[in-house]
N, C-alpha and C. Protein backbone atom coordinates (compact mmCIF):
# COMPACT_ATOMS: atom_id res chain seq x y z
N MET A 1 100.59 80.43 114.14
CA MET A 1 100.20 81.48 113.77
C MET A 1 101.09 82.75 113.58
N LEU A 2 101.53 83.27 115.14
CA LEU A 2 103.30 84.30 114.92
C LEU A 2 103.95 82.97 114.26
N PHE A 3 104.39 82.05 114.94
CA PHE A 3 105.72 81.31 113.98
C PHE A 3 105.10 81.67 112.36
N VAL A 4 104.19 81.51 111.90
CA VAL A 4 104.27 81.41 110.51
C VAL A 4 104.89 82.65 109.74
N VAL A 5 103.83 84.52 110.70
CA VAL A 5 104.29 85.87 110.17
C VAL A 5 105.79 85.86 110.40
N SER A 6 106.77 85.51 111.57
CA SER A 6 107.81 85.30 111.66
C SER A 6 108.96 84.52 110.87
N LEU A 7 108.54 83.34 110.09
CA LEU A 7 109.51 82.60 108.81
C LEU A 7 109.12 83.94 107.73
N ALA A 8 107.45 84.40 107.38
CA ALA A 8 107.50 84.63 105.88
C ALA A 8 108.32 86.28 106.22
N ALA A 9 108.55 86.98 107.45
CA ALA A 9 109.31 88.38 107.28
C ALA A 9 110.88 87.40 107.49
N ALA A 10 111.02 86.21 107.94
CA ALA A 10 112.97 85.72 107.92
C ALA A 10 113.49 85.49 106.04
N ALA A 11 111.96 85.05 105.36
CA ALA A 11 112.45 84.32 104.00
C ALA A 11 112.07 85.87 103.36
N MET A 12 111.49 86.96 104.13
CA MET A 12 111.77 87.64 102.99
C MET A 12 113.57 89.15 103.37
N PHE A 13 113.52 88.44 104.66
CA PHE A 13 115.32 89.52 104.77
C PHE A 13 115.91 88.69 103.93
N LEU A 14 116.09 86.97 104.21
CA LEU A 14 116.96 86.76 103.33
C LEU A 14 117.45 86.68 101.49
N VAL A 15 115.76 87.19 101.25
CA VAL A 15 114.77 87.08 99.61
C VAL A 15 116.39 88.92 99.40
N ALA A 16 116.00 90.04 100.63
CA ALA A 16 116.34 90.55 100.30
C ALA A 16 118.58 90.77 100.21
N SER A 17 118.47 90.08 101.20
CA SER A 17 119.59 89.63 101.24
C SER A 17 121.10 89.88 100.14
N TYR A 18 120.20 89.06 99.64
CA TYR A 18 120.66 87.93 98.28
C TYR A 18 120.35 88.63 97.21
N GLN A 19 119.39 89.30 96.21
CA GLN A 19 119.28 90.51 95.96
C GLN A 19 119.99 91.38 95.38
N ASP A 20 120.31 91.97 97.45
CA ASP A 20 120.85 93.17 97.19
C ASP A 20 122.57 92.70 97.47
N LEU A 21 122.75 91.26 97.34
CA LEU A 21 124.74 90.93 97.13
C LEU A 21 124.95 90.96 95.78
N ARG A 22 123.89 90.90 95.38
CA ARG A 22 123.68 89.86 94.10
C ARG A 22 123.64 91.28 93.07
N HIS A 23 122.76 91.95 93.74
CA HIS A 23 122.03 92.93 92.07
C HIS A 23 122.12 94.34 92.77
N ARG A 24 122.82 94.00 93.92
CA ARG A 24 123.09 95.79 94.26
C ARG A 24 121.44 96.66 94.22
N SER A 25 119.91 95.86 95.19
CA SER A 25 118.75 96.03 95.29
C SER A 25 118.78 95.62 95.45
N ILE A 26 117.56 95.82 96.00
CA ILE A 26 115.83 95.07 96.75
C ILE A 26 114.90 95.37 95.83
N PRO A 27 114.26 94.58 96.22
CA PRO A 27 113.03 94.34 94.76
C PRO A 27 111.41 95.23 95.94
N ASP A 28 111.02 95.71 95.60
CA ASP A 28 109.81 97.22 96.63
C ASP A 28 109.65 95.74 96.56
N PHE A 29 109.18 94.49 96.11
CA PHE A 29 107.66 93.59 96.84
C PHE A 29 108.53 93.51 98.46
N VAL A 30 109.84 93.51 98.64
CA VAL A 30 109.97 92.43 99.92
C VAL A 30 110.14 94.10 100.91
N PRO A 31 109.72 94.86 101.51
CA PRO A 31 109.78 95.50 102.30
C PRO A 31 107.99 95.88 102.01
N VAL A 32 107.06 95.61 101.35
CA VAL A 32 105.58 95.87 100.79
C VAL A 32 105.77 94.37 101.76
N ALA A 33 106.12 93.41 101.63
CA ALA A 33 105.95 91.60 102.46
C ALA A 33 106.75 92.20 104.14
N VAL A 34 107.76 92.67 104.09
CA VAL A 34 107.68 92.65 105.57
C VAL A 34 107.19 93.26 106.60
N ALA A 35 106.04 94.63 105.76
CA ALA A 35 105.01 95.84 105.83
C ALA A 35 103.78 94.82 105.97
N VAL A 36 103.28 94.08 105.52
CA VAL A 36 101.82 93.46 106.13
C VAL A 36 102.83 92.17 107.01
N ALA A 37 104.11 92.12 106.69
CA ALA A 37 103.86 90.78 108.11
C ALA A 37 103.90 91.08 109.81
N ALA A 38 104.40 92.14 109.31
CA ALA A 38 104.52 93.11 109.93
C ALA A 38 102.44 93.80 111.52
N LEU A 39 101.79 93.92 110.17
CA LEU A 39 100.35 94.44 110.58
C LEU A 39 99.39 92.91 111.10
N ALA A 40 100.38 92.00 110.58
CA ALA A 40 99.80 90.39 110.77
C ALA A 40 100.44 90.18 112.16
N LYS A 41 101.25 90.86 112.69
CA LYS A 41 101.76 90.49 113.95
C LYS A 41 101.79 91.42 114.83
N TRP A 42 100.68 92.60 114.86
CA TRP A 42 100.16 93.16 115.48
C TRP A 42 99.01 93.06 115.35
N ALA A 43 98.17 92.33 114.64
CA ALA A 43 96.55 92.11 114.18
C ALA A 43 96.87 90.69 115.22
N ILE A 44 97.29 89.58 114.97
CA ILE A 44 97.33 88.76 115.54
C ILE A 44 97.57 89.01 117.66
N ILE A 45 98.27 89.85 117.79
CA ILE A 45 98.87 89.81 119.49
C ILE A 45 98.20 91.09 120.08
N GLY A 46 96.58 91.52 118.69
CA GLY A 46 95.85 92.66 119.23
C GLY A 46 96.70 93.64 120.33
N GLN A 47 97.73 94.16 119.90
CA GLN A 47 98.67 95.17 120.74
C GLN A 47 98.79 96.49 119.80
N TRP A 48 97.63 97.59 120.03
CA TRP A 48 97.35 98.28 118.72
C TRP A 48 98.39 99.74 119.46
N ALA A 49 98.92 99.61 120.56
CA ALA A 49 99.24 101.37 120.59
C ALA A 49 100.46 100.98 120.74
N PRO A 50 101.18 99.28 120.89
CA PRO A 50 102.46 99.47 120.49
C PRO A 50 102.50 99.39 118.76
N ALA A 51 101.81 99.52 117.93
CA ALA A 51 101.75 98.68 117.18
C ALA A 51 101.50 100.33 116.35
N LEU A 52 101.17 101.17 117.04
CA LEU A 52 100.78 103.14 116.51
C LEU A 52 102.58 103.49 116.85
N TRP A 53 103.40 103.28 118.42
CA TRP A 53 104.07 103.12 118.16
C TRP A 53 105.28 102.68 116.80
N ALA A 54 104.84 102.02 116.76
CA ALA A 54 106.32 101.06 116.06
C ALA A 54 106.13 101.72 114.13
N ALA A 55 104.89 102.18 114.49
CA ALA A 55 104.35 102.82 112.62
C ALA A 55 105.29 104.45 113.36
N ALA A 56 104.70 105.14 114.72
CA ALA A 56 105.45 106.01 114.27
C ALA A 56 107.32 106.52 113.91
N ILE A 57 108.04 105.43 114.82
CA ILE A 57 109.18 104.56 114.61
C ILE A 57 109.95 104.97 113.12
N ALA A 58 108.65 104.02 112.68
CA ALA A 58 109.55 103.45 110.59
C ALA A 58 108.97 104.73 110.27
N GLY A 59 108.13 105.86 110.72
CA GLY A 59 107.73 107.42 109.67
C GLY A 59 109.40 107.53 110.34
N ILE A 60 110.11 107.65 111.03
CA ILE A 60 110.04 108.54 111.54
C ILE A 60 111.69 107.97 111.01
N VAL A 61 112.08 106.94 111.60
CA VAL A 61 114.10 106.99 110.48
C VAL A 61 113.55 106.75 109.04
N PHE A 62 111.54 106.04 108.33
CA PHE A 62 111.59 106.52 106.98
C PHE A 62 112.55 107.89 106.43
N ALA A 63 111.47 108.78 107.63
CA ALA A 63 112.08 110.36 106.74
C ALA A 63 113.43 110.43 107.28
N ALA A 64 114.35 110.11 107.36
CA ALA A 64 115.56 110.40 108.32
C ALA A 64 117.14 109.73 107.47
N THR A 65 117.04 108.48 106.68
CA THR A 65 116.97 108.10 106.45
C THR A 65 116.49 108.29 104.97
N ALA A 66 115.61 108.33 104.83
CA ALA A 66 115.28 108.97 103.41
C ALA A 66 116.84 110.51 102.60
N VAL A 67 116.81 111.09 103.76
CA VAL A 67 117.93 112.07 104.23
C VAL A 67 118.69 111.30 103.59
N LEU A 68 119.26 110.26 104.06
CA LEU A 68 120.83 109.66 103.80
C LEU A 68 120.80 109.67 101.77
N PHE A 69 119.58 108.65 101.69
CA PHE A 69 119.62 108.76 100.48
C PHE A 69 119.97 109.95 99.45
N ALA A 70 118.69 110.70 99.60
CA ALA A 70 119.11 111.57 98.89
C ALA A 70 120.25 112.68 99.30
N ARG A 71 120.82 112.41 100.04
CA ARG A 71 122.78 112.54 99.97
C ARG A 71 123.43 111.65 99.11
N GLY A 72 122.94 110.31 98.78
CA GLY A 72 123.72 108.65 98.12
C GLY A 72 123.86 108.58 99.24
N TRP A 73 124.14 108.23 100.81
CA TRP A 73 125.37 107.12 101.18
C TRP A 73 123.83 106.56 101.70
N LEU A 74 123.06 106.04 101.37
CA LEU A 74 122.43 104.68 101.65
C LEU A 74 121.05 104.41 99.67
N GLY A 75 121.37 103.51 100.14
CA GLY A 75 119.84 102.89 98.72
C GLY A 75 118.37 102.86 99.12
N GLY A 76 117.88 103.23 98.11
CA GLY A 76 116.67 103.27 98.63
C GLY A 76 115.93 101.76 98.84
N GLY A 77 115.44 100.85 98.61
CA GLY A 77 115.76 99.99 99.48
C GLY A 77 115.99 100.52 100.59
N ASP A 78 117.17 99.74 100.81
CA ASP A 78 117.73 100.16 102.45
C ASP A 78 116.90 101.04 103.06
N VAL A 79 116.19 102.09 103.04
CA VAL A 79 115.55 102.94 103.37
C VAL A 79 114.37 102.67 103.87
N LYS A 80 113.26 102.03 102.82
CA LYS A 80 112.41 101.77 102.64
C LYS A 80 112.48 100.24 103.55
N LEU A 81 114.29 99.47 103.48
CA LEU A 81 113.11 97.96 104.31
C LEU A 81 114.02 98.23 105.57
N ALA A 82 114.33 99.51 106.74
CA ALA A 82 114.18 99.47 107.46
C ALA A 82 113.63 100.05 108.20
N ALA A 83 112.40 100.80 107.47
CA ALA A 83 111.11 101.73 107.67
C ALA A 83 110.31 100.07 108.16
N ALA A 84 110.25 98.87 107.71
CA ALA A 84 108.88 98.52 107.50
C ALA A 84 109.85 97.25 109.10
N THR A 85 110.57 97.07 109.48
CA THR A 85 111.83 95.93 110.04
C THR A 85 111.49 96.70 110.68
N LEU A 86 111.67 98.33 111.18
CA LEU A 86 111.46 98.86 112.38
C LEU A 86 109.78 99.16 113.05
N PHE A 87 108.91 98.35 112.03
CA PHE A 87 107.03 98.79 112.27
C PHE A 87 107.44 97.05 112.27
N LEU A 88 108.20 96.14 112.29
CA LEU A 88 107.37 94.79 112.70
C LEU A 88 108.28 94.70 114.42
N LEU A 89 109.70 95.17 114.25
CA LEU A 89 110.02 95.48 115.92
C LEU A 89 109.38 95.19 116.12
N GLY A 90 109.30 96.97 116.37
CA GLY A 90 108.41 97.69 117.80
C GLY A 90 108.88 98.70 118.05
N ALA A 91 109.07 100.02 118.39
CA ALA A 91 109.69 100.73 118.86
C ALA A 91 110.91 100.35 119.77
N PRO A 92 110.35 99.40 120.66
CA PRO A 92 112.01 99.43 122.20
C PRO A 92 113.17 98.82 120.98
N ALA A 93 112.55 98.08 120.37
CA ALA A 93 113.98 97.44 119.52
C ALA A 93 114.37 98.14 118.63
N ALA A 94 114.22 100.52 118.25
CA ALA A 94 114.64 100.85 117.46
C ALA A 94 115.56 101.22 117.90
N ALA A 95 116.74 101.25 118.74
CA ALA A 95 118.22 101.62 119.48
C ALA A 95 118.36 100.54 118.82
N PRO A 96 118.83 99.81 118.75
CA PRO A 96 119.47 98.12 119.41
C PRO A 96 119.59 97.78 118.08
N PHE A 97 118.73 97.96 117.17
CA PHE A 97 118.22 98.31 115.54
C PHE A 97 119.04 98.95 114.30
N LEU A 98 119.37 99.85 114.96
CA LEU A 98 119.38 101.31 114.71
C LEU A 98 121.70 101.16 114.85
N LEU A 99 121.51 100.74 116.14
CA LEU A 99 122.94 100.71 115.96
C LEU A 99 123.76 99.77 115.22
N GLY A 100 123.09 98.43 115.00
CA GLY A 100 123.89 97.72 114.47
C GLY A 100 123.75 97.29 113.31
N MET A 101 122.85 98.15 112.48
CA MET A 101 122.05 98.76 111.31
C MET A 101 123.77 99.67 111.24
N ALA A 102 124.08 100.88 111.86
CA ALA A 102 124.88 101.40 110.99
C ALA A 102 126.59 101.15 111.79
N VAL A 103 126.44 99.47 112.75
CA VAL A 103 128.03 98.92 112.66
C VAL A 103 127.69 97.81 111.25
N VAL A 104 127.00 97.38 111.22
CA VAL A 104 127.14 95.87 110.87
C VAL A 104 126.96 96.91 108.69
N GLY A 105 126.62 98.41 108.38
CA GLY A 105 127.00 98.74 107.07
C GLY A 105 127.79 100.26 107.32
N GLY A 106 128.46 99.90 108.06
CA GLY A 106 129.72 101.27 108.38
C GLY A 106 130.63 99.91 107.85
């Protein structure tokens, strides 16, 4: 079942990539679907303490990237997708993910 959740999330990342390259916009349903996949993942593995840490990190990243959005440095879809992705990946993956996002996005 976890494999299906991973496939669904991967499909959403492909949709986000296509839409961002083609239209310079990420539809709202994509980060929502990734967040739902994250919830499913945490429910399947039953690790609620790491899920809460992941949600906290996602909230902090959402707030920080919202500031970057307000300054015009990031798009709104990028802000939402980064937070949803961190909720999916978990707190231990935050630093490598953010570093990769900065390097690839820069």
